[in-house]
């Protein structure tokens, strides 16, 4: 069992030990090699939009960042691509 962490003031932080254990367990679940992207030029661009983002994005925001016309069919298409990426 992990020991609780001790801060500068001498306080213990048992939640840090729990967090470390959780993150370590989750890291083991990720594949060593990222999966291949589907064959479409928008997928790398979508990932670039998310890499540059500083907050949450909606399908409409991604569609706008990709310079697609803001029509419902384009927004829904972008939403479908986002679902495939997830």
C-alpha atoms as a PDB file:
ATOM      1  CA  UNK A   1       0.000   0.000   0.000  1.00  0.00           C
ATOM      2  CA  UNK A   2       1.272   3.477  -0.845  1.00  0.00           C
ATOM      3  CA  UNK A   3       2.251   5.773   1.970  1.00  0.00           C
ATOM      4  CA  UNK A   4       0.442   9.095   2.229  1.00  0.00           C
ATOM      5  CA  UNK A   5       2.438  12.009   0.824  1.00  0.00           C
ATOM      6  CA  UNK A   6       3.701  14.652   3.223  1.00  0.00           C
ATOM      7  CA  UNK A   7       3.625  18.316   2.210  1.00  0.00           C
ATOM      8  CA  UNK A   8       5.915  21.174   3.268  1.00  0.00           C
ATOM      9  CA  UNK A   9       3.821  21.948   6.313  1.00  0.00           C
ATOM     10  CA  UNK A  10       3.947  18.334   7.455  1.00  0.00           C
ATOM     11  CA  UNK A  11       0.349  17.641   6.400  1.00  0.00           C
ATOM     12  CA  UNK A  12      -0.375  14.319   4.770  1.00  0.00           C
ATOM     13  CA  UNK A  13      -2.093  14.050   1.416  1.00  0.00           C
ATOM     14  CA  UNK A  14      -3.534  10.532   1.133  1.00  0.00           C
ATOM     15  CA  UNK A  15      -5.535  11.571  -1.933  1.00  0.00           C
ATOM     16  CA  UNK A  16      -2.259  11.966  -3.857  1.00  0.00           C
ATOM     17  CA  UNK A  17      -1.416   8.317  -3.236  1.00  0.00           C
ATOM     18  CA  UNK A  18      -4.859   7.301  -4.477  1.00  0.00           C
ATOM     19  CA  UNK A  19      -4.534   9.558  -7.540  1.00  0.00           C
ATOM     20  CA  UNK A  20      -1.113   8.135  -8.375  1.00  0.00           C
ATOM     21  CA  UNK A  21      -2.414   4.602  -8.118  1.00  0.00           C
ATOM     22  CA  UNK A  22      -5.414   5.426 -10.348  1.00  0.00           C
ATOM     23  CA  UNK A  23      -3.360   7.203 -13.019  1.00  0.00           C
ATOM     24  CA  UNK A  24      -0.806   4.408 -13.094  1.00  0.00           C
ATOM     25  CA  UNK A  25      -3.562   1.818 -13.532  1.00  0.00           C
ATOM     26  CA  UNK A  26      -5.164   3.828 -16.338  1.00  0.00           C
ATOM     27  CA  UNK A  27      -1.855   4.324 -18.146  1.00  0.00           C
ATOM     28  CA  UNK A  28      -1.503   0.556 -18.454  1.00  0.00           C
ATOM     29  CA  UNK A  29      -4.758   0.422 -20.439  1.00  0.00           C
ATOM     30  CA  UNK A  30      -3.600   2.675 -23.271  1.00  0.00           C
ATOM     31  CA  UNK A  31      -2.107   0.972 -26.323  1.00  0.00           C
ATOM     32  CA  UNK A  32       1.614   1.409 -26.897  1.00  0.00           C
ATOM     33  CA  UNK A  33       0.966   2.580 -30.464  1.00  0.00           C
ATOM     34  CA  UNK A  34      -1.882   5.004 -31.237  1.00  0.00           C
ATOM     35  CA  UNK A  35      -4.529   3.571 -33.575  1.00  0.00           C
ATOM     36  CA  UNK A  36      -4.571   4.589 -37.232  1.00  0.00           C
ATOM     37  CA  UNK A  37      -6.826   7.462 -38.219  1.00  0.00           C
ATOM     38  CA  UNK A  38      -9.642   6.824 -40.682  1.00  0.00           C
ATOM     39  CA  UNK A  39      -8.937   7.738 -44.316  1.00  0.00           C
ATOM     40  CA  UNK A  40     -10.094  11.346 -44.595  1.00  0.00           C
ATOM     41  CA  UNK A  41      -8.103  14.600 -44.670  1.00  0.00           C
ATOM     42  CA  UNK A  42     -10.245  16.196 -41.934  1.00  0.00           C
ATOM     43  CA  UNK A  43      -9.152  13.817 -39.156  1.00  0.00           C
ATOM     44  CA  UNK A  44      -5.596  15.157 -38.711  1.00  0.00           C
ATOM     45  CA  UNK A  45      -6.983  18.696 -38.981  1.00  0.00           C
ATOM     46  CA  UNK A  46      -9.572  17.946 -36.266  1.00  0.00           C
ATOM     47  CA  UNK A  47      -6.831  16.666 -33.965  1.00  0.00           C
ATOM     48  CA  UNK A  48      -4.867  19.841 -34.674  1.00  0.00           C
ATOM     49  CA  UNK A  49      -7.879  21.944 -33.670  1.00  0.00           C
ATOM     50  CA  UNK A  50      -8.087  20.091 -30.345  1.00  0.00           C
ATOM     51  CA  UNK A  51      -4.335  20.411 -29.771  1.00  0.00           C
ATOM     52  CA  UNK A  52      -4.599  24.186 -30.188  1.00  0.00           C
ATOM     53  CA  UNK A  53      -7.758  24.546 -28.081  1.00  0.00           C
ATOM     54  CA  UNK A  54      -7.644  25.962 -24.579  1.00  0.00           C
ATOM     55  CA  UNK A  55     -11.154  24.921 -23.572  1.00  0.00           C
ATOM     56  CA  UNK A  56     -14.119  22.789 -24.526  1.00  0.00           C
ATOM     57  CA  UNK A  57     -15.182  22.627 -28.160  1.00  0.00           C
ATOM     58  CA  UNK A  58     -18.519  21.885 -29.758  1.00  0.00           C
ATOM     59  CA  UNK A  59     -18.953  20.307 -33.180  1.00  0.00           C
ATOM     60  CA  UNK A  60     -19.907  23.763 -34.485  1.00  0.00           C
ATOM     61  CA  UNK A  61     -16.614  25.214 -33.178  1.00  0.00           C
ATOM     62  CA  UNK A  62     -14.607  22.464 -34.862  1.00  0.00           C
ATOM     63  CA  UNK A  63     -16.534  22.956 -38.097  1.00  0.00           C
ATOM     64  CA  UNK A  64     -15.781  26.679 -37.971  1.00  0.00           C
ATOM     65  CA  UNK A  65     -12.080  26.054 -37.232  1.00  0.00           C
ATOM     66  CA  UNK A  66     -11.913  23.769 -40.280  1.00  0.00           C
ATOM     67  CA  UNK A  67     -13.363  26.604 -42.403  1.00  0.00           C
ATOM     68  CA  UNK A  68     -16.457  24.587 -43.314  1.00  0.00           C
ATOM     69  CA  UNK A  69     -19.635  26.463 -44.046  1.00  0.00           C
ATOM     70  CA  UNK A  70     -21.805  26.482 -40.908  1.00  0.00           C
ATOM     71  CA  UNK A  71     -24.673  24.464 -42.338  1.00  0.00           C
ATOM     72  CA  UNK A  72     -26.414  21.787 -40.306  1.00  0.00           C
ATOM     73  CA  UNK A  73     -25.215  19.040 -42.701  1.00  0.00           C
ATOM     74  CA  UNK A  74     -21.589  20.132 -42.216  1.00  0.00           C
ATOM     75  CA  UNK A  75     -21.938  20.383 -38.443  1.00  0.00           C
ATOM     76  CA  UNK A  76     -23.567  16.933 -38.288  1.00  0.00           C
ATOM     77  CA  UNK A  77     -20.813  15.515 -40.507  1.00  0.00           C
ATOM     78  CA  UNK A  78     -18.200  16.969 -38.195  1.00  0.00           C
ATOM     79  CA  UNK A  79     -20.064  15.571 -35.193  1.00  0.00           C
ATOM     80  CA  UNK A  80     -19.997  12.089 -36.818  1.00  0.00           C
ATOM     81  CA  UNK A  81     -16.241  12.391 -37.402  1.00  0.00           C
ATOM     82  CA  UNK A  82     -15.734  13.397 -33.777  1.00  0.00           C
ATOM     83  CA  UNK A  83     -17.664  10.313 -32.660  1.00  0.00           C
ATOM     84  CA  UNK A  84     -15.464   8.100 -34.844  1.00  0.00           C
ATOM     85  CA  UNK A  85     -12.351   9.622 -33.339  1.00  0.00           C
ATOM     86  CA  UNK A  86     -13.591   8.934 -29.824  1.00  0.00           C
END
